[in-house]
Structure formats: C-alpha cells, structure tokens
C-alpha cells in the first residue's frame, strides 16, 4: 500500500533568498522512499514567513546527489521576477519556477 512523507525544512533568512541544509540522513530517507513502490516523498521548503514551496522527490534528485556518503548538501530558493521562486541545489537547478499555488493543493492531488 502506498504512503506519503512530507519532509519540511524551514529557513528564516532574508526575504529574497533562503538556504536549506540536507543531511545524509535526509537524503537517505528520500532515496529509500523513492525506491519503495507506491510511496511518495515531498519536500516542503518554508521560506520564512514569505512562502512555502513543495517539491516532488524526483525534483529533489535534480538538485541533490543521491550519494548518501556525501556530507550535507544545500537547496537554495531565490526570488525571481514577481512572486516566482527559482530553486537550485548542490547538483543543479530546476529548469522552471516552482509555483506558489502548489501548496497545499498539490499534496491533496498527488
């Protein structure tokens, strides 16, 4: 039977850029969940009191290395034009912005 996990990270930094640290244990959890049939993980990035962005585990793997032997890794969220937020990480950048309206409706649909 399938399940869901929401891994939440909070950053209280500036109003235009936020950094989120992922320990090897966090990455290990995402990798294990991704390997389990019917189990889905989501990253909830809480950008101070400004915004909440949700990423699917496959998007997280575009940003983080799945090599759990690595030390801590980082995902960065920065404000682009208007309310769009760009997301990048230790392994690269998403090729699209992450819309604000993904949370909380995205979790209910998927």
PDB file of N, CA and C in Angstrom:
ATOM      1  N   UNK A   1       0.839  -1.180   0.000  1.00  0.00           N
ATOM      2  CA  UNK A   1       0.000   0.000   0.000  1.00  0.00           C
ATOM      3  C   UNK A   1       0.880   1.238   0.000  1.00  0.00           C
ATOM      4  N   UNK A   2       0.493   2.219  -0.752  1.00  0.00           N
ATOM      5  CA  UNK A   2       1.268   3.445  -0.884  1.00  0.00           C
ATOM      6  C   UNK A   2       1.134   4.346   0.326  1.00  0.00           C
ATOM      7  N   UNK A   3       2.042   5.264   0.432  1.00  0.00           N
ATOM      8  CA  UNK A   3       2.025   6.224   1.512  1.00  0.00           C
ATOM      9  C   UNK A   3       2.699   7.503   1.073  1.00  0.00           C
ATOM     10  N   UNK A   4       2.721   8.459   1.963  1.00  0.00           N
ATOM     11  CA  UNK A   4       3.335   9.755   1.680  1.00  0.00           C
ATOM     12  C   UNK A   4       4.160  10.196   2.872  1.00  0.00           C
ATOM     13  N   UNK A   5       5.218  10.916   2.556  1.00  0.00           N
ATOM     14  CA  UNK A   5       6.023  11.537   3.605  1.00  0.00           C
ATOM     15  C   UNK A   5       6.270  12.979   3.181  1.00  0.00           C
ATOM     16  N   UNK A   6       6.126  13.879   4.107  1.00  0.00           N
ATOM     17  CA  UNK A   6       6.406  15.285   3.875  1.00  0.00           C
ATOM     18  C   UNK A   6       7.610  15.645   4.729  1.00  0.00           C
ATOM     19  N   UNK A   7       8.716  15.964   4.074  1.00  0.00           N
ATOM     20  CA  UNK A   7       9.924  16.383   4.776  1.00  0.00           C
ATOM     21  C   UNK A   7       9.962  17.901   4.722  1.00  0.00           C
ATOM     22  N   UNK A   8       9.780  18.545   5.861  1.00  0.00           N
ATOM     23  CA  UNK A   8       9.721  20.006   5.915  1.00  0.00           C
ATOM     24  C   UNK A   8      11.045  20.580   6.389  1.00  0.00           C
ATOM     25  N   UNK A   9      11.446  21.666   5.734  1.00  0.00           N
ATOM     26  CA  UNK A   9      12.647  22.412   6.106  1.00  0.00           C
ATOM     27  C   UNK A   9      12.253  23.875   6.203  1.00  0.00           C
ATOM     28  N   UNK A  10      12.808  24.557   7.208  1.00  0.00           N
ATOM     29  CA  UNK A  10      12.487  25.960   7.448  1.00  0.00           C
ATOM     30  C   UNK A  10      13.758  26.796   7.384  1.00  0.00           C
ATOM     31  N   UNK A  11      13.683  27.926   6.718  1.00  0.00           N
ATOM     32  CA  UNK A  11      14.786  28.892   6.696  1.00  0.00           C
ATOM     33  C   UNK A  11      14.209  30.264   7.001  1.00  0.00           C
ATOM     34  N   UNK A  12      14.850  30.981   7.895  1.00  0.00           N
ATOM     35  CA  UNK A  12      14.318  32.278   8.318  1.00  0.00           C
ATOM     36  C   UNK A  12      15.135  33.447   7.786  1.00  0.00           C
ATOM     37  N   UNK A  13      15.987  33.211   6.817  1.00  0.00           N
ATOM     38  CA  UNK A  13      16.906  34.239   6.321  1.00  0.00           C
ATOM     39  C   UNK A  13      16.173  35.409   5.671  1.00  0.00           C
ATOM     40  N   UNK A  14      16.800  36.013   4.691  1.00  0.00           N
ATOM     41  CA  UNK A  14      16.298  37.228   4.056  1.00  0.00           C
ATOM     42  C   UNK A  14      14.963  37.009   3.354  1.00  0.00           C
ATOM     43  N   UNK A  15      14.460  38.078   2.768  1.00  0.00           N
ATOM     44  CA  UNK A  15      13.178  37.993   2.079  1.00  0.00           C
ATOM     45  C   UNK A  15      13.330  37.714   0.588  1.00  0.00           C
ATOM     46  N   UNK A  16      14.549  37.425   0.121  1.00  0.00           N
ATOM     47  CA  UNK A  16      14.716  37.140  -1.304  1.00  0.00           C
ATOM     48  C   UNK A  16      15.537  35.886  -1.588  1.00  0.00           C
ATOM     49  N   UNK A  17      16.153  35.298  -0.564  1.00  0.00           N
ATOM     50  CA  UNK A  17      16.934  34.069  -0.764  1.00  0.00           C
ATOM     51  C   UNK A  17      16.953  33.260   0.526  1.00  0.00           C
ATOM     52  N   UNK A  18      16.787  31.948   0.378  1.00  0.00           N
ATOM     53  CA  UNK A  18      16.761  31.054   1.529  1.00  0.00           C
ATOM     54  C   UNK A  18      17.617  29.829   1.240  1.00  0.00           C
ATOM     55  N   UNK A  19      18.287  29.306   2.252  1.00  0.00           N
ATOM     56  CA  UNK A  19      19.096  28.100   2.099  1.00  0.00           C
ATOM     57  C   UNK A  19      18.601  27.006   3.031  1.00  0.00           C
ATOM     58  N   UNK A  20      18.546  25.780   2.526  1.00  0.00           N
ATOM     59  CA  UNK A  20      18.064  24.628   3.280  1.00  0.00           C
ATOM     60  C   UNK A  20      19.133  23.541   3.258  1.00  0.00           C
ATOM     61  N   UNK A  21      19.521  23.068   4.428  1.00  0.00           N
ATOM     62  CA  UNK A  21      20.560  22.051   4.538  1.00  0.00           C
ATOM     63  C   UNK A  21      19.931  20.666   4.612  1.00  0.00           C
ATOM     64  N   UNK A  22      20.495  19.748   3.844  1.00  0.00           N
ATOM     65  CA  UNK A  22      20.043  18.358   3.832  1.00  0.00           C
ATOM     66  C   UNK A  22      21.188  17.472   4.286  1.00  0.00           C
ATOM     67  N   UNK A  23      20.987  16.834   5.424  1.00  0.00           N
ATOM     68  CA  UNK A  23      21.989  15.917   5.979  1.00  0.00           C
ATOM     69  C   UNK A  23      21.922  14.593   5.230  1.00  0.00           C
ATOM     70  N   UNK A  24      22.959  13.777   5.343  1.00  0.00           N
ATOM     71  CA  UNK A  24      22.922  12.462   4.692  1.00  0.00           C
ATOM     72  C   UNK A  24      21.682  11.650   5.078  1.00  0.00           C
ATOM     73  N   UNK A  25      21.215  11.766   6.322  1.00  0.00           N
ATOM     74  CA  UNK A  25      20.014  11.033   6.760  1.00  0.00           C
ATOM     75  C   UNK A  25      18.780  11.477   5.984  1.00  0.00           C
ATOM     76  N   UNK A  26      18.691  12.785   5.704  1.00  0.00           N
ATOM     77  CA  UNK A  26      17.555  13.302   4.931  1.00  0.00           C
ATOM     78  C   UNK A  26      17.550  12.702   3.529  1.00  0.00           C
ATOM     79  N   UNK A  27      18.718  12.699   2.897  1.00  0.00           N
ATOM     80  CA  UNK A  27      18.837  12.156   1.539  1.00  0.00           C
ATOM     81  C   UNK A  27      18.565  10.654   1.549  1.00  0.00           C
ATOM     82  N   UNK A  28      19.057   9.968   2.552  1.00  0.00           N
ATOM     83  CA  UNK A  28      18.827   8.523   2.681  1.00  0.00           C
ATOM     84  C   UNK A  28      17.325   8.230   2.748  1.00  0.00           C
ATOM     85  N   UNK A  29      16.591   9.025   3.495  1.00  0.00           N
ATOM     86  CA  UNK A  29      15.137   8.861   3.599  1.00  0.00           C
ATOM     87  C   UNK A  29      14.467   9.063   2.245  1.00  0.00           C
ATOM     88  N   UNK A  30      14.858  10.112   1.526  1.00  0.00           N
ATOM     89  CA  UNK A  30      14.278  10.372   0.205  1.00  0.00           C
ATOM     90  C   UNK A  30      14.573   9.236  -0.769  1.00  0.00           C
ATOM     91  N   UNK A  31      15.811   8.739  -0.760  1.00  0.00           N
ATOM     92  CA  UNK A  31      16.202   7.652  -1.662  1.00  0.00           C
ATOM     93  C   UNK A  31      15.405   6.389  -1.343  1.00  0.00           C
ATOM     94  N   UNK A  32      15.283   6.055  -0.058  1.00  0.00           N
ATOM     95  CA  UNK A  32      14.540   4.851   0.347  1.00  0.00           C
ATOM     96  C   UNK A  32      13.065   4.969  -0.028  1.00  0.00           C
ATOM     97  N   UNK A  33      12.475   6.133   0.209  1.00  0.00           N
ATOM     98  CA  UNK A  33      11.069   6.342  -0.146  1.00  0.00           C
ATOM     99  C   UNK A  33      10.869   6.221  -1.650  1.00  0.00           C
ATOM    100  N   UNK A  34      11.775   6.805  -2.415  1.00  0.00           N
ATOM    101  CA  UNK A  34      11.671   6.786  -3.871  1.00  0.00           C
ATOM    102  C   UNK A  34      11.763   5.353  -4.409  1.00  0.00           C
ATOM    103  N   UNK A  35      12.546   4.523  -3.743  1.00  0.00           N
ATOM    104  CA  UNK A  35      12.721   3.128  -4.165  1.00  0.00           C
ATOM    105  C   UNK A  35      11.525   2.249  -3.789  1.00  0.00           C
ATOM    106  N   UNK A  36      10.731   2.681  -2.824  1.00  0.00           N
ATOM    107  CA  UNK A  36       9.563   1.906  -2.381  1.00  0.00           C
ATOM    108  C   UNK A  36       8.395   2.132  -3.330  1.00  0.00           C
ATOM    109  N   UNK A  37       7.888   1.065  -3.894  1.00  0.00           N
ATOM    110  CA  UNK A  37       6.765   1.170  -4.829  1.00  0.00           C
ATOM    111  C   UNK A  37       5.552   1.776  -4.137  1.00  0.00           C
ATOM    112  N   UNK A  38       4.995   2.790  -4.746  1.00  0.00           N
ATOM    113  CA  UNK A  38       3.778   3.383  -4.219  1.00  0.00           C
ATOM    114  C   UNK A  38       3.981   4.333  -3.054  1.00  0.00           C
ATOM    115  N   UNK A  39       5.244   4.663  -2.730  1.00  0.00           N
ATOM    116  CA  UNK A  39       5.491   5.595  -1.632  1.00  0.00           C
ATOM    117  C   UNK A  39       6.060   6.876  -2.217  1.00  0.00           C
ATOM    118  N   UNK A  40       5.520   8.008  -1.810  1.00  0.00           N
ATOM    119  CA  UNK A  40       5.925   9.291  -2.373  1.00  0.00           C
ATOM    120  C   UNK A  40       6.412  10.218  -1.278  1.00  0.00           C
ATOM    121  N   UNK A  41       7.520  10.884  -1.547  1.00  0.00           N
ATOM    122  CA  UNK A  41       8.053  11.885  -0.632  1.00  0.00           C
ATOM    123  C   UNK A  41       7.939  13.257  -1.271  1.00  0.00           C
ATOM    124  N   UNK A  42       7.710  14.232  -0.443  1.00  0.00           N
ATOM    125  CA  UNK A  42       7.655  15.615  -0.890  1.00  0.00           C
ATOM    126  C   UNK A  42       8.524  16.449   0.031  1.00  0.00           C
ATOM    127  N   UNK A  43       9.165  17.461  -0.533  1.00  0.00           N
ATOM    128  CA  UNK A  43       9.920  18.416   0.267  1.00  0.00           C
ATOM    129  C   UNK A  43       9.084  19.668   0.396  1.00  0.00           C
ATOM    130  N   UNK A  44       8.902  20.095   1.602  1.00  0.00           N
ATOM    131  CA  UNK A  44       8.185  21.333   1.871  1.00  0.00           C
ATOM    132  C   UNK A  44       9.232  22.339   2.340  1.00  0.00           C
ATOM    133  N   UNK A  45       9.512  23.336   1.513  1.00  0.00           N
ATOM    134  CA  UNK A  45      10.515  24.348   1.829  1.00  0.00           C
ATOM    135  C   UNK A  45       9.791  25.592   2.319  1.00  0.00           C
ATOM    136  N   UNK A  46       9.955  25.880   3.597  1.00  0.00           N
ATOM    137  CA  UNK A  46       9.271  27.009   4.226  1.00  0.00           C
ATOM    138  C   UNK A  46      10.239  28.179   4.234  1.00  0.00           C
ATOM    139  N   UNK A  47       9.934  29.176   3.416  1.00  0.00           N
ATOM    140  CA  UNK A  47      10.811  30.330   3.209  1.00  0.00           C
ATOM    141  C   UNK A  47      10.390  31.457   4.151  1.00  0.00           C
ATOM    142  N   UNK A  48      10.827  31.353   5.411  1.00  0.00           N
ATOM    143  CA  UNK A  48      10.462  32.333   6.424  1.00  0.00           C
ATOM    144  C   UNK A  48       8.955  32.480   6.510  1.00  0.00           C
ATOM    145  N   UNK A  49       8.504  33.711   6.654  1.00  0.00           N
ATOM    146  CA  UNK A  49       7.060  33.962   6.683  1.00  0.00           C
ATOM    147  C   UNK A  49       6.558  34.360   5.301  1.00  0.00           C
ATOM    148  N   UNK A  50       7.419  34.217   4.293  1.00  0.00           N
ATOM    149  CA  UNK A  50       7.113  34.692   2.953  1.00  0.00           C
ATOM    150  C   UNK A  50       6.381  33.684   2.079  1.00  0.00           C
ATOM    151  N   UNK A  51       6.829  32.428   2.090  1.00  0.00           N
ATOM    152  CA  UNK A  51       6.318  31.488   1.103  1.00  0.00           C
ATOM    153  C   UNK A  51       6.577  30.049   1.518  1.00  0.00           C
ATOM    154  N   UNK A  52       5.802  29.143   0.958  1.00  0.00           N
ATOM    155  CA  UNK A  52       6.023  27.703   1.109  1.00  0.00           C
ATOM    156  C   UNK A  52       6.053  27.113  -0.293  1.00  0.00           C
ATOM    157  N   UNK A  53       7.076  26.329  -0.577  1.00  0.00           N
ATOM    158  CA  UNK A  53       7.193  25.660  -1.869  1.00  0.00           C
ATOM    159  C   UNK A  53       7.303  24.162  -1.632  1.00  0.00           C
ATOM    160  N   UNK A  54       6.635  23.380  -2.479  1.00  0.00           N
ATOM    161  CA  UNK A  54       6.660  21.924  -2.363  1.00  0.00           C
ATOM    162  C   UNK A  54       7.333  21.350  -3.606  1.00  0.00           C
ATOM    163  N   UNK A  55       8.264  20.415  -3.379  1.00  0.00           N
ATOM    164  CA  UNK A  55       8.942  19.709  -4.466  1.00  0.00           C
ATOM    165  C   UNK A  55       8.649  18.224  -4.359  1.00  0.00           C
ATOM    166  N   UNK A  56       8.484  17.564  -5.502  1.00  0.00           N
ATOM    167  CA  UNK A  56       8.398  16.104  -5.528  1.00  0.00           C
ATOM    168  C   UNK A  56       9.803  15.540  -5.342  1.00  0.00           C
ATOM    169  N   UNK A  57       9.897  14.276  -4.961  1.00  0.00           N
ATOM    170  CA  UNK A  57      11.214  13.665  -4.750  1.00  0.00           C
ATOM    171  C   UNK A  57      12.035  13.650  -6.032  1.00  0.00           C
ATOM    172  N   UNK A  58      11.408  13.452  -7.195  1.00  0.00           N
ATOM    173  CA  UNK A  58      12.185  13.461  -8.439  1.00  0.00           C
ATOM    174  C   UNK A  58      12.782  14.838  -8.710  1.00  0.00           C
ATOM    175  N   UNK A  59      12.092  15.902  -8.327  1.00  0.00           N
ATOM    176  CA  UNK A  59      12.655  17.247  -8.457  1.00  0.00           C
ATOM    177  C   UNK A  59      13.812  17.431  -7.483  1.00  0.00           C
ATOM    178  N   UNK A  60      13.661  16.877  -6.288  1.00  0.00           N
ATOM    179  CA  UNK A  60      14.744  16.967  -5.298  1.00  0.00           C
ATOM    180  C   UNK A  60      16.001  16.286  -5.819  1.00  0.00           C
ATOM    181  N   UNK A  61      15.837  15.169  -6.543  1.00  0.00           N
ATOM    182  CA  UNK A  61      17.000  14.450  -7.073  1.00  0.00           C
ATOM    183  C   UNK A  61      17.661  15.201  -8.224  1.00  0.00           C
ATOM    184  N   UNK A  62      16.969  16.163  -8.821  1.00  0.00           N
ATOM    185  CA  UNK A  62      17.616  17.054  -9.792  1.00  0.00           C
ATOM    186  C   UNK A  62      18.520  18.055  -9.081  1.00  0.00           C
ATOM    187  N   UNK A  63      18.290  18.243  -7.789  1.00  0.00           N
ATOM    188  CA  UNK A  63      19.005  19.261  -7.018  1.00  0.00           C
ATOM    189  C   UNK A  63      20.045  18.692  -6.067  1.00  0.00           C
ATOM    190  N   UNK A  64      19.836  17.467  -5.607  1.00  0.00           N
ATOM    191  CA  UNK A  64      20.708  16.843  -4.611  1.00  0.00           C
ATOM    192  C   UNK A  64      21.318  15.566  -5.166  1.00  0.00           C
ATOM    193  N   UNK A  65      22.525  15.271  -4.746  1.00  0.00           N
ATOM    194  CA  UNK A  65      23.140  13.994  -5.093  1.00  0.00           C
ATOM    195  C   UNK A  65      22.488  12.895  -4.263  1.00  0.00           C
ATOM    196  N   UNK A  66      22.267  11.743  -4.872  1.00  0.00           N
ATOM    197  CA  UNK A  66      21.702  10.611  -4.132  1.00  0.00           C
ATOM    198  C   UNK A  66      22.788   9.794  -3.444  1.00  0.00           C
ATOM    199  N   UNK A  67      24.029  10.209  -3.563  1.00  0.00           N
ATOM    200  CA  UNK A  67      25.148   9.546  -2.889  1.00  0.00           C
ATOM    201  C   UNK A  67      25.091   9.910  -1.409  1.00  0.00           C
ATOM    202  N   UNK A  68      24.624   8.981  -0.586  1.00  0.00           N
ATOM    203  CA  UNK A  68      24.416   9.267   0.839  1.00  0.00           C
ATOM    204  C   UNK A  68      25.731   9.348   1.612  1.00  0.00           C
ATOM    205  N   UNK A  69      26.855   9.077   0.947  1.00  0.00           N
ATOM    206  CA  UNK A  69      28.156   9.221   1.617  1.00  0.00           C
ATOM    207  C   UNK A  69      28.606  10.673   1.654  1.00  0.00           C
ATOM    208  N   UNK A  70      27.940  11.519   0.861  1.00  0.00           N
ATOM    209  CA  UNK A  70      28.292  12.937   0.857  1.00  0.00           C
ATOM    210  C   UNK A  70      27.885  13.578   2.171  1.00  0.00           C
ATOM    211  N   UNK A  71      28.620  14.615   2.522  1.00  0.00           N
ATOM    212  CA  UNK A  71      28.234  15.381   3.711  1.00  0.00           C
ATOM    213  C   UNK A  71      26.998  16.197   3.365  1.00  0.00           C
ATOM    214  N   UNK A  72      26.680  17.138   4.173  1.00  0.00           N
ATOM    215  CA  UNK A  72      25.480  17.951   3.969  1.00  0.00           C
ATOM    216  C   UNK A  72      25.461  18.606   2.589  1.00  0.00           C
ATOM    217  N   UNK A  73      24.256  18.726   2.061  1.00  0.00           N
ATOM    218  CA  UNK A  73      24.031  19.388   0.783  1.00  0.00           C
ATOM    219  C   UNK A  73      23.036  20.524   1.005  1.00  0.00           C
ATOM    220  N   UNK A  74      22.921  21.384   0.019  1.00  0.00           N
ATOM    221  CA  UNK A  74      22.073  22.557   0.171  1.00  0.00           C
ATOM    222  C   UNK A  74      21.127  22.718  -1.008  1.00  0.00           C
ATOM    223  N   UNK A  75      19.905  23.122  -0.696  1.00  0.00           N
ATOM    224  CA  UNK A  75      18.971  23.606  -1.710  1.00  0.00           C
ATOM    225  C   UNK A  75      18.760  25.086  -1.422  1.00  0.00           C
ATOM    226  N   UNK A  76      18.830  25.889  -2.489  1.00  0.00           N
ATOM    227  CA  UNK A  76      18.643  27.327  -2.364  1.00  0.00           C
ATOM    228  C   UNK A  76      17.386  27.744  -3.129  1.00  0.00           C
ATOM    229  N   UNK A  77      16.635  28.623  -2.515  1.00  0.00           N
ATOM    230  CA  UNK A  77      15.443  29.190  -3.145  1.00  0.00           C
ATOM    231  C   UNK A  77      15.671  30.690  -3.208  1.00  0.00           C
ATOM    232  N   UNK A  78      15.488  31.261  -4.399  1.00  0.00           N
ATOM    233  CA  UNK A  78      15.662  32.712  -4.522  1.00  0.00           C
ATOM    234  C   UNK A  78      14.506  33.304  -5.312  1.00  0.00           C
ATOM    235  N   UNK A  79      14.173  34.502  -4.913  1.00  0.00           N
ATOM    236  CA  UNK A  79      13.070  35.201  -5.569  1.00  0.00           C
ATOM    237  C   UNK A  79      13.533  35.664  -6.942  1.00  0.00           C
ATOM    238  N   UNK A  80      12.699  35.384  -7.928  1.00  0.00           N
ATOM    239  CA  UNK A  80      12.949  35.836  -9.290  1.00  0.00           C
ATOM    240  C   UNK A  80      12.000  37.003  -9.549  1.00  0.00           C
ATOM    241  N   UNK A  81      11.550  37.160 -10.755  1.00  0.00           N
ATOM    242  CA  UNK A  81      10.634  38.252 -11.076  1.00  0.00           C
ATOM    243  C   UNK A  81       9.269  38.005 -10.447  1.00  0.00           C
ATOM    244  N   UNK A  82       8.686  39.050  -9.883  1.00  0.00           N
ATOM    245  CA  UNK A  82       7.371  38.925  -9.265  1.00  0.00           C
ATOM    246  C   UNK A  82       7.394  37.957  -8.099  1.00  0.00           C
ATOM    247  N   UNK A  83       6.486  36.998  -8.103  1.00  0.00           N
ATOM    248  CA  UNK A  83       6.412  36.044  -6.995  1.00  0.00           C
ATOM    249  C   UNK A  83       7.028  34.699  -7.347  1.00  0.00           C
ATOM    250  N   UNK A  84       7.654  34.601  -8.507  1.00  0.00           N
ATOM    251  CA  UNK A  84       8.266  33.333  -8.907  1.00  0.00           C
ATOM    252  C   UNK A  84       9.524  33.069  -8.097  1.00  0.00           C
ATOM    253  N   UNK A  85       9.699  31.819  -7.699  1.00  0.00           N
ATOM    254  CA  UNK A  85      10.892  31.439  -6.953  1.00  0.00           C
ATOM    255  C   UNK A  85      11.658  30.402  -7.753  1.00  0.00           C
ATOM    256  N   UNK A  86      12.962  30.623  -7.886  1.00  0.00           N
ATOM    257  CA  UNK A  86      13.869  29.684  -8.551  1.00  0.00           C
ATOM    258  C   UNK A  86      14.505  28.802  -7.490  1.00  0.00           C
ATOM    259  N   UNK A  87      14.685  27.523  -7.830  1.00  0.00           N
ATOM    260  CA  UNK A  87      15.231  26.563  -6.878  1.00  0.00           C
ATOM    261  C   UNK A  87      16.468  25.920  -7.489  1.00  0.00           C
ATOM    262  N   UNK A  88      17.564  25.906  -6.717  1.00  0.00           N
ATOM    263  CA  UNK A  88      18.801  25.258  -7.156  1.00  0.00           C
ATOM    264  C   UNK A  88      19.369  24.473  -5.986  1.00  0.00           C
ATOM    265  N   UNK A  89      20.318  23.594  -6.308  1.00  0.00           N
ATOM    266  CA  UNK A  89      20.907  22.770  -5.259  1.00  0.00           C
ATOM    267  C   UNK A  89      22.322  22.368  -5.588  1.00  0.00           C
ATOM    268  N   UNK A  90      22.862  21.480  -4.803  1.00  0.00           N
ATOM    269  CA  UNK A  90      24.233  21.019  -4.951  1.00  0.00           C
ATOM    270  C   UNK A  90      24.490  20.404  -6.322  1.00  0.00           C
ATOM    271  N   UNK A  91      23.464  19.833  -6.949  1.00  0.00           N
ATOM    272  CA  UNK A  91      23.625  19.125  -8.220  1.00  0.00           C
ATOM    273  C   UNK A  91      23.071  19.873  -9.428  1.00  0.00           C
ATOM    274  N   UNK A  92      22.455  21.027  -9.231  1.00  0.00           N
ATOM    275  CA  UNK A  92      21.926  21.747 -10.384  1.00  0.00           C
ATOM    276  C   UNK A  92      20.755  22.634 -10.024  1.00  0.00           C
ATOM    277  N   UNK A  93      20.015  23.031 -11.054  1.00  0.00           N
ATOM    278  CA  UNK A  93      18.888  23.943 -10.886  1.00  0.00           C
ATOM    279  C   UNK A  93      17.683  23.390 -11.629  1.00  0.00           C
ATOM    280  N   UNK A  94      16.493  23.610 -11.074  1.00  0.00           N
ATOM    281  CA  UNK A  94      15.277  23.228 -11.793  1.00  0.00           C
ATOM    282  C   UNK A  94      15.136  24.136 -13.007  1.00  0.00           C
ATOM    283  N   UNK A  95      14.638  23.598 -14.105  1.00  0.00           N
ATOM    284  CA  UNK A  95      14.510  24.376 -15.335  1.00  0.00           C
ATOM    285  C   UNK A  95      13.224  25.203 -15.370  1.00  0.00           C
ATOM    286  N   UNK A  96      12.530  25.262 -14.263  1.00  0.00           N
ATOM    287  CA  UNK A  96      11.281  26.013 -14.173  1.00  0.00           C
ATOM    288  C   UNK A  96      11.147  26.574 -12.758  1.00  0.00           C
ATOM    289  N   UNK A  97      10.276  27.549 -12.607  1.00  0.00           N
ATOM    290  CA  UNK A  97       9.999  28.053 -11.269  1.00  0.00           C
ATOM    291  C   UNK A  97       9.013  27.108 -10.592  1.00  0.00           C
ATOM    292  N   UNK A  98       8.947  27.193  -9.278  1.00  0.00           N
ATOM    293  CA  UNK A  98       8.006  26.378  -8.509  1.00  0.00           C
ATOM    294  C   UNK A  98       6.862  27.301  -8.091  1.00  0.00           C
ATOM    295  N   UNK A  99       5.659  27.060  -8.599  1.00  0.00           N
ATOM    296  CA  UNK A  99       4.549  27.966  -8.331  1.00  0.00           C
ATOM    297  C   UNK A  99       4.087  27.943  -6.875  1.00  0.00           C
ATOM    298  N   UNK A 100       3.622  29.094  -6.432  1.00  0.00           N
ATOM    299  CA  UNK A 100       3.146  29.228  -5.056  1.00  0.00           C
ATOM    300  C   UNK A 100       1.887  28.411  -4.816  1.00  0.00           C
ATOM    301  N   UNK A 101       1.050  28.256  -5.823  1.00  0.00           N
ATOM    302  CA  UNK A 101      -0.232  27.581  -5.621  1.00  0.00           C
ATOM    303  C   UNK A 101      -0.103  26.063  -5.560  1.00  0.00           C
ATOM    304  N   UNK A 102       1.105  25.549  -5.599  1.00  0.00           N
ATOM    305  CA  UNK A 102       1.308  24.106  -5.466  1.00  0.00           C
ATOM    306  C   UNK A 102       1.003  23.629  -4.049  1.00  0.00           C
ATOM    307  N   UNK A 103       1.160  24.497  -3.081  1.00  0.00           N
ATOM    308  CA  UNK A 103       0.920  24.135  -1.691  1.00  0.00           C
ATOM    309  C   UNK A 103      -0.344  24.835  -1.231  1.00  0.00           C
ATOM    310  N   UNK A 104      -1.270  24.164  -0.595  1.00  0.00           N
ATOM    311  CA  UNK A 104      -1.292  22.763  -0.198  1.00  0.00           C
ATOM    312  C   UNK A 104      -2.004  21.848  -1.192  1.00  0.00           C
ATOM    313  N   UNK A 105      -2.601  22.422  -2.252  1.00  0.00           N
ATOM    314  CA  UNK A 105      -3.422  21.607  -3.156  1.00  0.00           C
ATOM    315  C   UNK A 105      -2.641  20.479  -3.824  1.00  0.00           C
ATOM    316  N   UNK A 106      -1.362  20.677  -4.098  1.00  0.00           N
ATOM    317  CA  UNK A 106      -0.527  19.669  -4.743  1.00  0.00           C
ATOM    318  C   UNK A 106      -0.487  18.382  -3.928  1.00  0.00           C
ATOM    319  N   UNK A 107      -0.418  18.504  -2.621  1.00  0.00           N
ATOM    320  CA  UNK A 107      -0.349  17.330  -1.752  1.00  0.00           C
ATOM    321  C   UNK A 107      -1.660  16.555  -1.751  1.00  0.00           C
ATOM    322  N   UNK A 108      -2.761  17.256  -1.879  1.00  0.00           N
ATOM    323  CA  UNK A 108      -4.066  16.590  -1.869  1.00  0.00           C
ATOM    324  C   UNK A 108      -4.310  15.818  -3.166  1.00  0.00           C
ATOM    325  N   UNK A 109      -3.766  16.313  -4.280  1.00  0.00           N
ATOM    326  CA  UNK A 109      -3.981  15.684  -5.583  1.00  0.00           C
ATOM    327  C   UNK A 109      -3.080  14.483  -5.804  1.00  0.00           C
ATOM    328  N   UNK A 110      -1.887  14.528  -5.265  1.00  0.00           N
ATOM    329  CA  UNK A 110      -0.879  13.509  -5.588  1.00  0.00           C
ATOM    330  C   UNK A 110      -0.692  12.496  -4.495  1.00  0.00           C
TER     331      UNK A 110
END
